[in-house]
Amino acid sequence: MIVTAIGLHKTGQLSKGLAWTIAIVFFLIGIGFTLISSLLQGAPMQ
């Protein structure tokens, strides 16, 4: 997440706040996909 934020700031020429916001959003989306995936794997098949 830190590398993503720094990369967006340096190469994308975004402000630090916007770069960190985007990096955190990507991180939260990744956690969401992982949670949904683990819930679907544990669900009983009918």
N, C-alpha and C. Protein backbone atom coordinates (compact mmCIF):
# COMPACT_ATOMS: atom_id res chain seq x y z
N MET A 1 0.83 -1.18 0.00
CA MET A 1 0.00 0.00 0.00
C MET A 1 0.88 1.25 0.00
N ILE A 2 1.95 1.21 0.75
CA ILE A 2 2.85 2.37 0.82
C ILE A 2 3.50 2.62 -0.54
N VAL A 3 3.95 1.52 -1.18
CA VAL A 3 4.60 1.66 -2.50
C VAL A 3 3.60 2.18 -3.53
N THR A 4 2.37 1.71 -3.45
CA THR A 4 1.33 2.18 -4.37
C THR A 4 1.09 3.68 -4.20
N ALA A 5 0.99 4.13 -2.96
CA ALA A 5 0.75 5.54 -2.69
C ALA A 5 1.92 6.40 -3.18
N ILE A 6 3.14 5.95 -2.90
CA ILE A 6 4.31 6.71 -3.35
C ILE A 6 4.38 6.73 -4.87
N GLY A 7 4.10 5.58 -5.50
CA GLY A 7 4.12 5.52 -6.96
C GLY A 7 3.08 6.42 -7.60
N LEU A 8 1.90 6.45 -7.04
CA LEU A 8 0.87 7.34 -7.57
C LEU A 8 1.26 8.80 -7.40
N HIS A 9 1.91 9.10 -6.30
CA HIS A 9 2.32 10.48 -6.05
C HIS A 9 3.44 10.89 -7.00
N LYS A 10 4.44 10.03 -7.16
CA LYS A 10 5.61 10.38 -7.99
C LYS A 10 5.33 10.29 -9.48
N THR A 11 4.84 9.11 -9.93
CA THR A 11 4.68 8.92 -11.38
C THR A 11 3.36 9.48 -11.89
N GLY A 12 2.31 9.38 -11.08
CA GLY A 12 1.01 9.90 -11.51
C GLY A 12 0.85 11.38 -11.25
N GLN A 13 1.80 11.95 -10.52
CA GLN A 13 1.80 13.37 -10.18
C GLN A 13 0.49 13.79 -9.51
N LEU A 14 0.01 12.90 -8.62
CA LEU A 14 -1.18 13.22 -7.84
C LEU A 14 -0.74 13.82 -6.51
N SER A 15 -1.65 14.50 -5.85
CA SER A 15 -1.32 15.02 -4.53
C SER A 15 -1.15 13.85 -3.56
N LYS A 16 -0.44 14.09 -2.47
CA LYS A 16 -0.20 13.02 -1.51
C LYS A 16 -1.52 12.49 -0.93
N GLY A 17 -2.43 13.40 -0.62
CA GLY A 17 -3.71 12.98 -0.05
C GLY A 17 -4.51 12.10 -1.00
N LEU A 18 -4.56 12.50 -2.26
CA LEU A 18 -5.31 11.71 -3.25
C LEU A 18 -4.63 10.37 -3.49
N ALA A 19 -3.31 10.36 -3.55
CA ALA A 19 -2.58 9.11 -3.76
C ALA A 19 -2.83 8.14 -2.60
N TRP A 20 -2.79 8.63 -1.37
CA TRP A 20 -3.05 7.78 -0.22
C TRP A 20 -4.49 7.29 -0.20
N THR A 21 -5.42 8.16 -0.58
CA THR A 21 -6.83 7.77 -0.61
C THR A 21 -7.05 6.64 -1.61
N ILE A 22 -6.48 6.75 -2.79
CA ILE A 22 -6.63 5.71 -3.80
C ILE A 22 -5.98 4.41 -3.33
N ALA A 23 -4.80 4.49 -2.72
CA ALA A 23 -4.12 3.29 -2.23
C ALA A 23 -4.95 2.60 -1.15
N ILE A 24 -5.53 3.37 -0.25
CA ILE A 24 -6.35 2.78 0.82
C ILE A 24 -7.62 2.16 0.25
N VAL A 25 -8.22 2.80 -0.74
CA VAL A 25 -9.42 2.25 -1.37
C VAL A 25 -9.08 0.92 -2.05
N PHE A 26 -7.96 0.85 -2.78
CA PHE A 26 -7.54 -0.41 -3.39
C PHE A 26 -7.34 -1.49 -2.33
N PHE A 27 -6.73 -1.13 -1.21
CA PHE A 27 -6.49 -2.07 -0.12
C PHE A 27 -7.82 -2.60 0.43
N LEU A 28 -8.77 -1.71 0.66
CA LEU A 28 -10.06 -2.13 1.20
C LEU A 28 -10.84 -2.99 0.21
N ILE A 29 -10.75 -2.67 -1.08
CA ILE A 29 -11.41 -3.50 -2.10
C ILE A 29 -10.79 -4.90 -2.10
N GLY A 30 -9.48 -4.98 -1.98
CA GLY A 30 -8.81 -6.28 -1.91
C GLY A 30 -9.26 -7.09 -0.72
N ILE A 31 -9.39 -6.44 0.43
CA ILE A 31 -9.89 -7.13 1.63
C ILE A 31 -11.33 -7.59 1.41
N GLY A 32 -12.13 -6.77 0.77
CA GLY A 32 -13.52 -7.14 0.48
C GLY A 32 -13.62 -8.37 -0.41
N PHE A 33 -12.80 -8.40 -1.48
CA PHE A 33 -12.82 -9.57 -2.36
C PHE A 33 -12.36 -10.82 -1.63
N THR A 34 -11.36 -10.69 -0.78
CA THR A 34 -10.88 -11.84 -0.01
C THR A 34 -11.97 -12.34 0.94
N LEU A 35 -12.66 -11.43 1.59
CA LEU A 35 -13.72 -11.81 2.51
C LEU A 35 -14.86 -12.51 1.78
N ILE A 36 -15.28 -11.95 0.66
CA ILE A 36 -16.36 -12.56 -0.12
C ILE A 36 -15.95 -13.94 -0.62
N SER A 37 -14.72 -14.06 -1.09
CA SER A 37 -14.21 -15.34 -1.58
C SER A 37 -14.21 -16.39 -0.47
N SER A 38 -13.75 -16.02 0.71
CA SER A 38 -13.72 -16.99 1.81
C SER A 38 -15.13 -17.35 2.26
N LEU A 39 -16.05 -16.41 2.21
CA LEU A 39 -17.43 -16.71 2.59
C LEU A 39 -18.08 -17.65 1.58
N LEU A 40 -17.79 -17.46 0.30
CA LEU A 40 -18.38 -18.33 -0.72
C LEU A 40 -17.79 -19.74 -0.69
N GLN A 41 -16.54 -19.87 -0.34
CA GLN A 41 -15.94 -21.19 -0.25
C GLN A 41 -16.47 -21.97 0.94
N GLY A 42 -16.84 -21.26 1.99
CA GLY A 42 -17.36 -21.93 3.17
C GLY A 42 -18.86 -22.19 3.12
N ALA A 43 -19.55 -21.65 2.11
CA ALA A 43 -20.99 -21.81 2.01
C ALA A 43 -21.32 -23.23 1.57
N PRO A 44 -22.33 -23.85 2.20
CA PRO A 44 -22.72 -25.20 1.80
C PRO A 44 -23.42 -25.17 0.44
N MET A 45 -23.10 -26.16 -0.38
CA MET A 45 -23.71 -26.25 -1.71
C MET A 45 -25.07 -26.95 -1.57
N GLN A 46 -26.09 -26.44 -2.27
CA GLN A 46 -27.42 -27.05 -2.18
C GLN A 46 -27.79 -27.70 -3.47
